[in-house]
Amino acid sequence: MAKIRIIWVKSGIGYAEDQKRTLRALGLHKLNQGVVHDDSAVLRGQINKVRHLIKIEEANS
């Protein structure tokens, strides 16, 4: 299964509470932190919701 690295690059301050909760649900706790997840439709929906706050790249594993 493909892996995706998600990096939090922009603060959630000033954005809706549901977007802040989506960042937490992705496993992001600090700015510039990165996490790796398996690619899925659910994950893609979460990424789409906060696409303006994160950077996405393919993970090498």
PDB file of N, CA and C in Angstrom:
ATOM      1  N   MET A   1       0.848  -1.186   0.000  1.00  0.00           N
ATOM      2  CA  MET A   1       0.000   0.000   0.000  1.00  0.00           C
ATOM      3  C   MET A   1       0.890   1.244   0.000  1.00  0.00           C
ATOM      4  N   ALA A   2       0.480   2.259  -0.714  1.00  0.00           N
ATOM      5  CA  ALA A   2       1.242   3.509  -0.815  1.00  0.00           C
ATOM      6  C   ALA A   2       1.232   4.247   0.516  1.00  0.00           C
ATOM      7  N   LYS A   3       2.333   4.915   0.783  1.00  0.00           N
ATOM      8  CA  LYS A   3       2.466   5.714   2.001  1.00  0.00           C
ATOM      9  C   LYS A   3       2.524   7.186   1.626  1.00  0.00           C
ATOM     10  N   ILE A   4       1.956   8.021   2.485  1.00  0.00           N
ATOM     11  CA  ILE A   4       1.945   9.470   2.278  1.00  0.00           C
ATOM     12  C   ILE A   4       2.533  10.144   3.517  1.00  0.00           C
ATOM     13  N   ARG A   5       3.457  11.080   3.298  1.00  0.00           N
ATOM     14  CA  ARG A   5       4.009  11.886   4.391  1.00  0.00           C
ATOM     15  C   ARG A   5       3.259  13.211   4.392  1.00  0.00           C
ATOM     16  N   ILE A   6       2.753  13.588   5.556  1.00  0.00           N
ATOM     17  CA  ILE A   6       2.014  14.836   5.723  1.00  0.00           C
ATOM     18  C   ILE A   6       2.820  15.721   6.673  1.00  0.00           C
ATOM     19  N   ILE A   7       3.101  16.949   6.252  1.00  0.00           N
ATOM     20  CA  ILE A   7       3.876  17.884   7.061  1.00  0.00           C
ATOM     21  C   ILE A   7       3.025  19.120   7.318  1.00  0.00           C
ATOM     22  N   TRP A   8       2.901  19.482   8.600  1.00  0.00           N
ATOM     23  CA  TRP A   8       2.117  20.652   8.998  1.00  0.00           C
ATOM     24  C   TRP A   8       2.983  21.893   8.812  1.00  0.00           C
ATOM     25  N   VAL A   9       2.603  22.804   7.890  1.00  0.00           N
ATOM     26  CA  VAL A   9       3.449  23.947   7.549  1.00  0.00           C
ATOM     27  C   VAL A   9       2.845  25.306   7.896  1.00  0.00           C
ATOM     28  N   LYS A  10       1.550  25.372   8.192  1.00  0.00           N
ATOM     29  CA  LYS A  10       0.919  26.658   8.494  1.00  0.00           C
ATOM     30  C   LYS A  10       0.036  26.509   9.727  1.00  0.00           C
ATOM     31  N   SER A  11       0.081  27.478  10.600  1.00  0.00           N
ATOM     32  CA  SER A  11      -0.673  27.439  11.845  1.00  0.00           C
ATOM     33  C   SER A  11      -2.182  27.389  11.616  1.00  0.00           C
ATOM     34  N   GLY A  12      -2.875  26.736  12.525  1.00  0.00           N
ATOM     35  CA  GLY A  12      -4.330  26.644  12.465  1.00  0.00           C
ATOM     36  C   GLY A  12      -5.035  27.804  13.155  1.00  0.00           C
ATOM     37  N   ILE A  13      -4.274  28.735  13.710  1.00  0.00           N
ATOM     38  CA  ILE A  13      -4.879  29.880  14.388  1.00  0.00           C
ATOM     39  C   ILE A  13      -5.680  30.688  13.380  1.00  0.00           C
ATOM     40  N   GLY A  14      -6.910  31.018  13.738  1.00  0.00           N
ATOM     41  CA  GLY A  14      -7.766  31.809  12.866  1.00  0.00           C
ATOM     42  C   GLY A  14      -8.627  30.973  11.941  1.00  0.00           C
ATOM     43  N   TYR A  15      -8.451  29.652  11.983  1.00  0.00           N
ATOM     44  CA  TYR A  15      -9.253  28.761  11.151  1.00  0.00           C
ATOM     45  C   TYR A  15     -10.309  28.066  12.006  1.00  0.00           C
ATOM     46  N   ALA A  16     -11.273  27.467  11.359  1.00  0.00           N
ATOM     47  CA  ALA A  16     -12.394  26.834  12.047  1.00  0.00           C
ATOM     48  C   ALA A  16     -11.914  25.698  12.957  1.00  0.00           C
ATOM     49  N   GLU A  17     -12.648  25.481  14.030  1.00  0.00           N
ATOM     50  CA  GLU A  17     -12.300  24.458  15.018  1.00  0.00           C
ATOM     51  C   GLU A  17     -12.262  23.062  14.393  1.00  0.00           C
ATOM     52  N   ASP A  18     -13.136  22.780  13.437  1.00  0.00           N
ATOM     53  CA  ASP A  18     -13.128  21.452  12.825  1.00  0.00           C
ATOM     54  C   ASP A  18     -11.842  21.206  12.035  1.00  0.00           C
ATOM     55  N   GLN A  19     -11.234  22.246  11.490  1.00  0.00           N
ATOM     56  CA  GLN A  19      -9.961  22.089  10.789  1.00  0.00           C
ATOM     57  C   GLN A  19      -8.841  21.815  11.788  1.00  0.00           C
ATOM     58  N   LYS A  20      -8.874  22.452  12.940  1.00  0.00           N
ATOM     59  CA  LYS A  20      -7.882  22.191  13.987  1.00  0.00           C
ATOM     60  C   LYS A  20      -8.004  20.754  14.487  1.00  0.00           C
ATOM     61  N   ARG A  21      -9.236  20.275  14.629  1.00  0.00           N
ATOM     62  CA  ARG A  21      -9.447  18.888  15.066  1.00  0.00           C
ATOM     63  C   ARG A  21      -8.987  17.896  14.000  1.00  0.00           C
ATOM     64  N   THR A  22      -9.119  18.257  12.736  1.00  0.00           N
ATOM     65  CA  THR A  22      -8.648  17.391  11.658  1.00  0.00           C
ATOM     66  C   THR A  22      -7.127  17.267  11.693  1.00  0.00           C
ATOM     67  N   LEU A  23      -6.419  18.360  11.981  1.00  0.00           N
ATOM     68  CA  LEU A  23      -4.964  18.290  12.127  1.00  0.00           C
ATOM     69  C   LEU A  23      -4.580  17.322  13.238  1.00  0.00           C
ATOM     70  N   ARG A  24      -5.290  17.384  14.360  1.00  0.00           N
ATOM     71  CA  ARG A  24      -5.025  16.468  15.480  1.00  0.00           C
ATOM     72  C   ARG A  24      -5.334  15.026  15.089  1.00  0.00           C
ATOM     73  N   ALA A  25      -6.418  14.834  14.347  1.00  0.00           N
ATOM     74  CA  ALA A  25      -6.811  13.494  13.920  1.00  0.00           C
ATOM     75  C   ALA A  25      -5.773  12.890  12.968  1.00  0.00           C
ATOM     76  N   LEU A  26      -5.082  13.731  12.227  1.00  0.00           N
ATOM     77  CA  LEU A  26      -4.018  13.257  11.350  1.00  0.00           C
ATOM     78  C   LEU A  26      -2.759  12.890  12.133  1.00  0.00           C
ATOM     79  N   GLY A  27      -2.719  13.230  13.417  1.00  0.00           N
ATOM     80  CA  GLY A  27      -1.565  12.912  14.253  1.00  0.00           C
ATOM     81  C   GLY A  27      -0.561  14.034  14.350  1.00  0.00           C
ATOM     82  N   LEU A  28      -0.950  15.236  13.948  1.00  0.00           N
ATOM     83  CA  LEU A  28      -0.057  16.387  13.982  1.00  0.00           C
ATOM     84  C   LEU A  28      -0.258  17.166  15.271  1.00  0.00           C
ATOM     85  N   HIS A  29       0.835  17.456  15.964  1.00  0.00           N
ATOM     86  CA  HIS A  29       0.754  18.161  17.240  1.00  0.00           C
ATOM     87  C   HIS A  29       1.552  19.461  17.252  1.00  0.00           C
ATOM     88  N   LYS A  30       2.622  19.527  16.457  1.00  0.00           N
ATOM     89  CA  LYS A  30       3.464  20.714  16.412  1.00  0.00           C
ATOM     90  C   LYS A  30       3.669  21.154  14.966  1.00  0.00           C
ATOM     91  N   LEU A  31       3.862  22.430  14.782  1.00  0.00           N
ATOM     92  CA  LEU A  31       4.149  22.988  13.470  1.00  0.00           C
ATOM     93  C   LEU A  31       5.452  22.383  12.939  1.00  0.00           C
ATOM     94  N   ASN A  32       5.515  22.124  11.650  1.00  0.00           N
ATOM     95  CA  ASN A  32       6.655  21.511  10.952  1.00  0.00           C
ATOM     96  C   ASN A  32       6.879  20.047  11.317  1.00  0.00           C
ATOM     97  N   GLN A  33       5.917  19.443  11.974  1.00  0.00           N
ATOM     98  CA  GLN A  33       5.986  18.021  12.286  1.00  0.00           C
ATOM     99  C   GLN A  33       5.471  17.233  11.089  1.00  0.00           C
ATOM    100  N   GLY A  34       6.039  16.066  10.857  1.00  0.00           N
ATOM    101  CA  GLY A  34       5.587  15.210   9.772  1.00  0.00           C
ATOM    102  C   GLY A  34       5.141  13.856  10.289  1.00  0.00           C
ATOM    103  N   VAL A  35       4.162  13.271   9.630  1.00  0.00           N
ATOM    104  CA  VAL A  35       3.684  11.925   9.960  1.00  0.00           C
ATOM    105  C   VAL A  35       3.510  11.150   8.658  1.00  0.00           C
ATOM    106  N   VAL A  36       3.584   9.829   8.759  1.00  0.00           N
ATOM    107  CA  VAL A  36       3.411   8.966   7.600  1.00  0.00           C
ATOM    108  C   VAL A  36       2.182   8.103   7.832  1.00  0.00           C
ATOM    109  N   HIS A  37       1.303   8.060   6.823  1.00  0.00           N
ATOM    110  CA  HIS A  37       0.076   7.265   6.879  1.00  0.00           C
ATOM    111  C   HIS A  37      -0.052   6.439   5.611  1.00  0.00           C
ATOM    112  N   ASP A  38      -0.796   5.328   5.702  1.00  0.00           N
ATOM    113  CA  ASP A  38      -1.176   4.577   4.515  1.00  0.00           C
ATOM    114  C   ASP A  38      -2.214   5.380   3.744  1.00  0.00           C
ATOM    115  N   ASP A  39      -2.095   5.388   2.429  1.00  0.00           N
ATOM    116  CA  ASP A  39      -3.043   6.119   1.591  1.00  0.00           C
ATOM    117  C   ASP A  39      -4.406   5.428   1.603  1.00  0.00           C
ATOM    118  N   SER A  40      -5.472   6.200   1.835  1.00  0.00           N
ATOM    119  CA  SER A  40      -6.840   5.675   1.811  1.00  0.00           C
ATOM    120  C   SER A  40      -7.797   6.810   1.464  1.00  0.00           C
ATOM    121  N   ALA A  41      -9.028   6.443   1.162  1.00  0.00           N
ATOM    122  CA  ALA A  41     -10.035   7.450   0.823  1.00  0.00           C
ATOM    123  C   ALA A  41     -10.346   8.342   2.026  1.00  0.00           C
ATOM    124  N   VAL A  42     -10.388   7.771   3.205  1.00  0.00           N
ATOM    125  CA  VAL A  42     -10.662   8.542   4.418  1.00  0.00           C
ATOM    126  C   VAL A  42      -9.552   9.561   4.649  1.00  0.00           C
ATOM    127  N   LEU A  43      -8.316   9.127   4.510  1.00  0.00           N
ATOM    128  CA  LEU A  43      -7.175  10.021   4.687  1.00  0.00           C
ATOM    129  C   LEU A  43      -7.195  11.142   3.652  1.00  0.00           C
ATOM    130  N   ARG A  44      -7.525  10.810   2.410  1.00  0.00           N
ATOM    131  CA  ARG A  44      -7.590  11.827   1.361  1.00  0.00           C
ATOM    132  C   ARG A  44      -8.651  12.885   1.670  1.00  0.00           C
ATOM    133  N   GLY A  45      -9.761  12.488   2.276  1.00  0.00           N
ATOM    134  CA  GLY A  45     -10.793  13.443   2.670  1.00  0.00           C
ATOM    135  C   GLY A  45     -10.301  14.386   3.750  1.00  0.00           C
ATOM    136  N   GLN A  46      -9.559  13.853   4.727  1.00  0.00           N
ATOM    137  CA  GLN A  46      -8.994  14.694   5.784  1.00  0.00           C
ATOM    138  C   GLN A  46      -7.963  15.658   5.206  1.00  0.00           C
ATOM    139  N   ILE A  47      -7.120  15.160   4.305  1.00  0.00           N
ATOM    140  CA  ILE A  47      -6.111  16.003   3.660  1.00  0.00           C
ATOM    141  C   ILE A  47      -6.779  17.131   2.884  1.00  0.00           C
ATOM    142  N   ASN A  48      -7.850  16.824   2.177  1.00  0.00           N
ATOM    143  CA  ASN A  48      -8.561  17.831   1.391  1.00  0.00           C
ATOM    144  C   ASN A  48      -9.109  18.946   2.278  1.00  0.00           C
ATOM    145  N   LYS A  49      -9.547  18.596   3.475  1.00  0.00           N
ATOM    146  CA  LYS A  49     -10.136  19.580   4.384  1.00  0.00           C
ATOM    147  C   LYS A  49      -9.106  20.609   4.866  1.00  0.00           C
ATOM    148  N   VAL A  50      -7.850  20.190   5.051  1.00  0.00           N
ATOM    149  CA  VAL A  50      -6.813  21.085   5.582  1.00  0.00           C
ATOM    150  C   VAL A  50      -5.654  21.265   4.599  1.00  0.00           C
ATOM    151  N   ARG A  51      -5.933  21.142   3.310  1.00  0.00           N
ATOM    152  CA  ARG A  51      -4.879  21.189   2.296  1.00  0.00           C
ATOM    153  C   ARG A  51      -4.107  22.512   2.290  1.00  0.00           C
ATOM    154  N   HIS A  52      -4.708  23.577   2.798  1.00  0.00           N
ATOM    155  CA  HIS A  52      -4.052  24.884   2.840  1.00  0.00           C
ATOM    156  C   HIS A  52      -3.105  25.016   4.042  1.00  0.00           C
ATOM    157  N   LEU A  53      -3.111  24.040   4.948  1.00  0.00           N
ATOM    158  CA  LEU A  53      -2.270  24.094   6.144  1.00  0.00           C
ATOM    159  C   LEU A  53      -1.136  23.061   6.128  1.00  0.00           C
ATOM    160  N   ILE A  54      -1.153  22.152   5.168  1.00  0.00           N
ATOM    161  CA  ILE A  54      -0.199  21.043   5.153  1.00  0.00           C
ATOM    162  C   ILE A  54       0.518  20.925   3.812  1.00  0.00           C
ATOM    163  N   LYS A  55       1.590  20.161   3.818  1.00  0.00           N
ATOM    164  CA  LYS A  55       2.300  19.800   2.603  1.00  0.00           C
ATOM    165  C   LYS A  55       2.283  18.282   2.519  1.00  0.00           C
ATOM    166  N   ILE A  56       2.078  17.733   1.321  1.00  0.00           N
ATOM    167  CA  ILE A  56       1.961  16.289   1.142  1.00  0.00           C
ATOM    168  C   ILE A  56       3.050  15.828   0.181  1.00  0.00           C
ATOM    169  N   GLU A  57       3.686  14.707   0.529  1.00  0.00           N
ATOM    170  CA  GLU A  57       4.658  14.098  -0.362  1.00  0.00           C
ATOM    171  C   GLU A  57       4.600  12.593  -0.220  1.00  0.00           C
ATOM    172  N   GLU A  58       5.098  11.909  -1.216  1.00  0.00           N
ATOM    173  CA  GLU A  58       5.126  10.456  -1.174  1.00  0.00           C
ATOM    174  C   GLU A  58       6.249  10.018  -0.236  1.00  0.00           C
ATOM    175  N   ALA A  59       5.938   9.090   0.650  1.00  0.00           N
ATOM    176  CA  ALA A  59       6.930   8.610   1.617  1.00  0.00           C
ATOM    177  C   ALA A  59       7.737   7.486   0.997  1.00  0.00           C
ATOM    178  N   ASN A  60       9.034   7.494   1.253  1.00  0.00           N
ATOM    179  CA  ASN A  60       9.916   6.421   0.784  1.00  0.00           C
ATOM    180  C   ASN A  60      10.055   5.403   1.891  1.00  0.00           C
ATOM    181  N   SER A  61       9.487   4.230   1.668  1.00  0.00           N
ATOM    182  CA  SER A  61       9.622   3.199   2.704  1.00  0.00           C
ATOM    183  C   SER A  61       9.763   1.833   2.104  1.00  0.00           C
TER     184      SER A  61
END
